[in-house]
Amino acid sequence: MKKLVALVLMLGAFLTPSAFAGVPCTLPFNLTNGTTADATQVMANYNALVTCLTQAAHAGANADITSITGLTTPLSQSQGGSVSFAGSDSTGTANAQVVASTVPSAFTLVKGNIVVFKTGVGPNTGNVTLTVGGTAATQLLRQAGGGVTGLAGGELQNGFMNIVIYDGTFYQLISPNSLLGFKYMFRDVIDQVVTGGWTTQTLTNPTGNLTIDCGARALQNITNNGPWVLTAPATDGTCDLLIINGPSAGTITTSGFNVGTNTGDTIDLINGHQFMLHIRRVFGASVVFVQALQ
């Protein structure tokens, strides 16, 4: 009994007359040294302490742990929560990617938040918007030698894992594939050495106009299955375009190129014939040279 009295006195010194975790804690009897306390008083104080501690535990919050509701609501950045979110495979379209859910949930557009997801629809053919966890559709940019810019096409391939970071205004793609990464990060750095092969990009047969983008791939190919216009690149660069005539090959005309007296061979319409077009744009001047491969 003496030990119980001592315990009640010790706990009472910490808890009275203030509150614990926002729960009022009061003892019905004030027990002091040198006075006699019977069992009824001691047990009443003891039961009051048990009730107070139980209520404080149920409250689920105190001065050190905040905004926890059954451990189901993630902590925000300001509360020390994670800035990394594992996203579901993307849906939507190749140029309007949607990551429907994340772990932790409740993703928000806060600067520095990171999303990791696998491309489920791709490849993209140009600029991309990204919607994560129901937030607003936001443009996805890539990093280049001169800063950040819109995607050119081919950065989001089916099955690729992607890392994107929200910069306060846009998402930035941190993990383009190795070839694109080299081109985007070091395209403005002189004296670079490239080893190994290049990846060829297959273009969709155009129904009207095709503006060639040498920044997308150094090697590109297309099947000619109808008349169309090949327009000069909008930015400086160099690339080779292989044209393969299909069964309904059409006449190909050019636009925007600086045409000289010698542009190479003539592109015929014979099924199966192939032609290599060497395309250059330097300081706004564009040329194309045709080489027949049969």
Protein backbone atom coordinates (compact mmCIF):
# COMPACT_ATOMS: atom_id res chain seq x y z
CA MET A 1 0.00 0.00 0.00
CA LYS A 2 2.89 2.37 0.81
CA LYS A 3 4.37 1.74 -2.67
CA LEU A 4 1.05 2.52 -4.34
CA VAL A 5 0.73 5.74 -2.33
CA ALA A 6 4.25 6.75 -3.36
CA LEU A 7 3.46 6.04 -7.05
CA VAL A 8 0.25 8.08 -6.91
CA LEU A 9 2.09 10.96 -5.25
CA MET A 10 4.86 10.88 -7.87
CA LEU A 11 2.50 10.82 -10.86
CA GLY A 12 0.26 13.42 -9.27
CA ALA A 13 3.21 15.80 -9.03
CA PHE A 14 3.63 15.63 -12.81
CA LEU A 15 -0.03 15.82 -13.83
CA THR A 16 -1.80 18.23 -11.46
CA PRO A 17 -3.32 20.66 -12.08
CA SER A 18 -2.36 20.92 -15.82
CA ALA A 19 -3.48 18.92 -18.88
CA PHE A 20 -1.76 16.04 -20.70
CA ALA A 21 -1.99 16.07 -24.55
CA GLY A 22 -4.92 18.46 -24.30
CA VAL A 23 -6.83 16.24 -21.82
CA PRO A 24 -7.58 17.78 -18.35
CA CYS A 25 -6.03 15.71 -15.52
CA THR A 26 -7.20 16.32 -11.93
CA LEU A 27 -6.97 14.20 -8.78
CA PRO A 28 -9.92 14.05 -6.35
CA PHE A 29 -7.69 14.01 -3.23
CA ASN A 30 -4.56 15.98 -2.36
CA LEU A 31 -2.24 13.55 -0.54
CA THR A 32 0.71 15.10 1.29
CA ASN A 33 3.56 13.75 3.39
CA GLY A 34 2.87 13.42 7.10
CA THR A 35 -0.86 12.92 6.71
CA THR A 36 -2.85 9.69 6.81
CA ALA A 37 -4.50 8.48 3.59
CA ASP A 38 -6.95 5.61 3.50
CA ALA A 39 -7.32 3.10 0.69
CA THR A 40 -10.41 4.81 -0.72
CA GLN A 41 -8.53 8.08 -1.35
CA VAL A 42 -5.49 6.34 -2.82
CA MET A 43 -7.58 4.17 -5.19
CA ALA A 44 -9.68 7.17 -6.25
CA ASN A 45 -6.52 9.09 -7.23
CA TYR A 46 -5.12 5.97 -8.94
CA ASN A 47 -8.27 5.46 -11.00
CA ALA A 48 -8.27 9.15 -11.95
CA LEU A 49 -4.70 8.78 -13.26
CA VAL A 50 -5.60 5.69 -15.34
CA THR A 51 -8.59 7.50 -16.85
CA CYS A 52 -6.51 10.58 -17.69
CA LEU A 53 -3.73 8.59 -19.37
CA THR A 54 -6.25 6.54 -21.36
CA GLN A 55 -7.99 9.68 -22.63
CA ALA A 56 -4.65 11.26 -23.56
CA ALA A 57 -3.68 8.16 -25.58
CA HIS A 58 -7.00 8.27 -27.43
CA ALA A 59 -6.48 11.95 -28.27
CA GLY A 60 -3.60 10.94 -30.58
CA ALA A 61 -1.76 14.26 -30.55
CA ASN A 62 0.56 16.24 -28.35
CA ALA A 63 3.08 19.02 -28.69
CA ASP A 64 5.61 16.76 -30.49
CA ILE A 65 3.41 14.67 -32.82
CA THR A 66 0.87 16.57 -34.93
CA SER A 67 -1.59 15.87 -37.73
CA ILE A 68 -1.66 12.10 -37.26
CA THR A 69 -5.14 10.64 -37.60
CA GLY A 70 -5.03 6.91 -37.17
CA LEU A 71 -1.70 6.88 -39.03
CA THR A 72 -3.55 7.12 -42.37
CA THR A 73 -2.90 10.76 -43.36
CA PRO A 74 0.69 11.31 -44.60
CA LEU A 75 2.77 14.03 -42.99
CA SER A 76 3.38 17.12 -45.11
CA GLN A 77 6.85 18.42 -45.96
CA SER A 78 6.63 21.01 -43.17
CA GLN A 79 5.84 18.22 -40.70
CA GLY A 80 8.85 16.15 -41.78
CA GLY A 81 6.99 13.94 -44.24
CA SER A 82 8.46 12.29 -47.35
CA VAL A 83 9.01 14.25 -50.58
CA SER A 84 9.23 11.04 -52.65
CA PHE A 85 6.10 9.39 -54.08
CA ALA A 86 5.91 6.03 -55.88
CA GLY A 87 3.33 6.43 -58.63
CA SER A 88 1.18 3.92 -60.47
CA ASP A 89 1.94 3.13 -64.12
CA SER A 90 0.88 6.05 -66.28
CA THR A 91 -2.35 6.03 -68.27
CA GLY A 92 -4.02 8.69 -70.41
CA THR A 93 -2.24 9.35 -73.70
CA ALA A 94 1.38 9.55 -74.79
CA ASN A 95 1.38 13.36 -74.60
CA ALA A 96 -1.05 13.70 -71.68
CA GLN A 97 0.29 11.29 -69.07
CA VAL A 98 -1.78 10.48 -65.96
CA VAL A 99 -0.40 8.92 -62.76
CA ALA A 100 -3.64 8.10 -60.98
CA SER A 101 -2.31 7.23 -57.51
CA THR A 102 0.81 7.46 -55.38
CA VAL A 103 2.28 5.94 -52.23
CA PRO A 104 2.13 7.85 -49.92
CA SER A 105 -1.23 9.16 -51.09
CA ALA A 106 -2.45 12.78 -51.09
CA PHE A 107 0.27 14.04 -53.47
CA THR A 108 0.34 17.83 -53.75
CA LEU A 109 2.06 20.26 -56.10
CA VAL A 110 4.72 21.39 -53.63
CA LYS A 111 8.16 22.45 -54.84
CA GLY A 112 10.64 19.59 -54.42
CA ASN A 113 8.12 16.74 -54.46
CA ILE A 114 9.43 13.76 -56.45
CA VAL A 115 7.36 11.24 -58.39
CA VAL A 116 8.71 7.92 -59.70
CA PHE A 117 6.52 6.08 -62.22
CA LYS A 118 6.66 3.68 -65.17
CA THR A 119 5.47 4.79 -68.60
CA GLY A 120 2.32 2.90 -69.49
CA VAL A 121 1.47 4.83 -72.67
CA GLY A 122 4.18 5.96 -75.02
CA PRO A 123 6.33 7.01 -76.64
CA ASN A 124 5.48 10.69 -76.53
CA THR A 125 5.67 12.60 -79.79
CA GLY A 126 6.28 16.08 -78.39
CA ASN A 127 5.37 18.26 -75.42
CA VAL A 128 3.82 16.38 -72.49
CA THR A 129 1.52 17.28 -69.60
CA LEU A 130 1.54 15.19 -66.44
CA THR A 131 -1.32 14.74 -63.96
CA VAL A 132 -0.43 13.12 -60.63
CA GLY A 133 -2.95 11.96 -58.04
CA GLY A 134 -5.75 14.24 -59.22
CA THR A 135 -3.67 17.43 -59.21
CA ALA A 136 -3.74 19.84 -62.15
CA ALA A 137 -2.26 18.79 -65.51
CA THR A 138 1.21 20.35 -65.54
CA GLN A 139 3.76 20.60 -68.34
CA LEU A 140 6.71 18.21 -68.15
CA LEU A 141 10.06 19.74 -69.15
CA ARG A 142 13.48 18.26 -69.86
CA GLN A 143 16.88 19.63 -68.93
CA ALA A 144 19.09 20.98 -71.74
CA GLY A 145 22.43 22.71 -71.94
CA GLY A 146 20.81 26.14 -71.99
CA GLY A 147 18.11 25.46 -69.37
CA VAL A 148 14.81 23.59 -69.31
CA THR A 149 12.59 23.17 -72.36
CA GLY A 150 9.61 21.19 -73.60
CA LEU A 151 9.92 17.53 -74.55
CA ALA A 152 10.79 16.86 -78.20
CA GLY A 153 9.44 13.31 -78.51
CA GLY A 154 10.63 9.86 -77.51
CA GLU A 155 11.67 10.70 -73.95
CA LEU A 156 8.86 8.61 -72.38
CA GLN A 157 9.16 5.09 -73.76
CA ASN A 158 6.80 2.25 -72.80
CA GLY A 159 8.11 0.41 -69.75
CA PHE A 160 10.69 3.07 -68.84
CA MET A 161 10.97 4.18 -65.21
CA ASN A 162 10.84 7.96 -64.92
CA ILE A 163 11.87 10.37 -62.16
CA VAL A 164 10.23 13.80 -62.20
CA ILE A 165 10.51 16.68 -59.72
CA TYR A 166 8.02 19.52 -59.33
CA ASP A 167 9.97 22.82 -59.45
CA GLY A 168 7.17 25.06 -58.22
CA THR A 169 5.76 25.68 -61.71
CA PHE A 170 6.53 22.67 -63.92
CA TYR A 171 7.68 19.07 -63.62
CA GLN A 172 11.28 18.40 -64.66
CA LEU A 173 12.21 15.02 -66.14
CA ILE A 174 15.43 13.85 -64.46
CA SER A 175 15.76 10.43 -66.13
CA PRO A 176 15.66 10.53 -69.94
CA ASN A 177 17.20 7.50 -71.67
CA SER A 178 20.95 7.54 -72.13
CA LEU A 179 20.98 8.77 -75.73
CA LEU A 180 18.49 11.55 -75.09
CA GLY A 181 20.24 12.38 -71.83
CA PHE A 182 23.52 12.91 -73.66
CA LYS A 183 21.89 15.07 -76.29
CA TYR A 184 19.83 17.18 -73.89
CA MET A 185 22.45 17.70 -71.20
CA PHE A 186 25.49 18.29 -73.42
CA ARG A 187 24.18 19.50 -76.77
CA ASP A 188 25.74 22.95 -76.20
CA VAL A 189 29.08 21.62 -74.90
CA ILE A 190 31.86 21.57 -77.50
CA ASP A 191 34.35 18.76 -78.21
CA GLN A 192 32.16 15.92 -76.95
CA VAL A 193 33.12 12.36 -77.93
CA VAL A 194 30.34 9.88 -78.71
CA THR A 195 31.03 6.14 -78.76
CA GLY A 196 28.74 3.25 -79.64
CA GLY A 197 25.75 3.22 -81.96
CA TRP A 198 22.73 5.43 -82.39
CA THR A 199 19.06 4.60 -82.06
CA THR A 200 16.93 5.06 -85.20
CA GLN A 201 13.54 6.74 -84.75
CA THR A 202 10.68 5.49 -86.93
CA LEU A 203 8.38 8.35 -87.92
CA THR A 204 4.66 8.03 -88.61
CA ASN A 205 3.78 8.35 -92.29
CA PRO A 206 2.55 11.95 -92.68
CA THR A 207 -0.71 12.83 -94.40
CA GLY A 208 0.26 16.43 -95.14
CA ASN A 209 3.33 18.15 -93.74
CA LEU A 210 6.31 16.80 -91.81
CA THR A 211 8.69 19.25 -90.14
CA ILE A 212 11.86 17.28 -89.63
CA ASP A 213 13.34 17.56 -86.11
CA CYS A 214 17.02 16.64 -86.10
CA GLY A 215 17.07 17.18 -82.35
CA ALA A 216 14.81 14.15 -81.82
CA ARG A 217 17.23 11.59 -83.34
CA ALA A 218 20.34 11.67 -85.51
CA LEU A 219 18.94 8.74 -87.52
CA GLN A 220 15.30 8.62 -88.61
CA ASN A 221 13.25 6.62 -91.09
CA ILE A 222 9.80 6.88 -92.64
CA THR A 223 7.62 4.93 -95.07
CA ASN A 224 6.29 6.91 -98.04
CA ASN A 225 2.64 5.94 -98.56
CA GLY A 226 1.16 9.12 -100.01
CA PRO A 227 2.04 12.67 -101.08
CA TRP A 228 3.46 14.93 -98.37
CA VAL A 229 5.67 17.98 -97.76
CA LEU A 230 9.03 17.77 -96.00
CA THR A 231 9.64 21.04 -94.14
CA ALA A 232 13.08 22.21 -93.02
CA PRO A 233 14.05 21.92 -89.33
CA ALA A 234 13.02 24.72 -86.96
CA THR A 235 16.30 24.49 -84.99
CA ASP A 236 19.93 23.93 -85.93
CA GLY A 237 21.15 20.35 -86.18
CA THR A 238 21.98 17.50 -88.52
CA CYS A 239 20.36 14.14 -89.23
CA ASP A 240 19.82 11.45 -91.85
CA LEU A 241 16.30 10.46 -92.94
CA LEU A 242 15.75 7.13 -94.70
CA ILE A 243 12.64 7.14 -96.95
CA ILE A 244 11.22 3.74 -97.96
CA ASN A 245 8.59 3.75 -100.69
CA GLY A 246 5.45 1.82 -99.85
CA PRO A 247 2.87 0.40 -102.30
CA SER A 248 1.07 3.76 -102.50
CA ALA A 249 4.11 6.06 -102.49
CA GLY A 250 3.33 9.70 -103.21
CA THR A 251 5.25 12.70 -104.45
CA ILE A 252 7.43 14.36 -101.82
CA THR A 253 8.02 18.11 -102.02
CA THR A 254 10.22 20.25 -99.80
CA SER A 255 9.62 23.56 -98.04
CA GLY A 256 11.87 25.97 -96.20
CA PHE A 257 15.19 24.57 -97.48
CA ASN A 258 17.89 26.66 -99.18
CA VAL A 259 17.77 24.93 -102.58
CA GLY A 260 20.89 24.93 -104.74
CA THR A 261 21.58 23.58 -108.21
CA ASN A 262 22.43 20.13 -106.88
CA THR A 263 20.10 18.45 -104.39
CA GLY A 264 21.14 14.92 -105.31
CA ASP A 265 19.07 12.12 -106.81
CA THR A 266 15.39 12.18 -107.72
CA ILE A 267 12.93 10.41 -105.41
CA ASP A 268 10.81 8.08 -107.54
CA LEU A 269 7.55 6.35 -106.58
CA ILE A 270 8.60 2.71 -107.14
CA ASN A 271 7.51 0.40 -104.32
CA GLY A 272 10.49 -0.75 -102.22
CA HIS A 273 12.93 1.90 -103.43
CA GLN A 274 14.88 3.65 -100.69
CA PHE A 275 16.42 7.09 -100.43
CA MET A 276 18.75 8.60 -97.82
CA LEU A 277 18.20 12.30 -97.16
CA HIS A 278 21.09 14.14 -95.51
CA ILE A 279 19.64 17.16 -93.74
CA ARG A 280 21.53 20.08 -92.18
CA ARG A 281 20.53 23.35 -90.57
CA VAL A 282 23.25 25.77 -89.47
CA PHE A 283 22.47 29.27 -88.16
CA GLY A 284 19.06 29.19 -89.83
CA ALA A 285 20.25 27.97 -93.25
CA SER A 286 18.84 24.54 -94.19
CA VAL A 287 19.92 22.12 -96.92
CA VAL A 288 18.89 18.63 -97.96
CA PHE A 289 20.75 16.20 -100.23
CA VAL A 290 19.10 13.05 -101.64
CA GLN A 291 21.01 9.82 -102.22
CA ALA A 292 19.22 6.95 -104.01
CA LEU A 293 20.06 3.51 -102.58
CA GLN A 294 19.29 1.37 -105.66
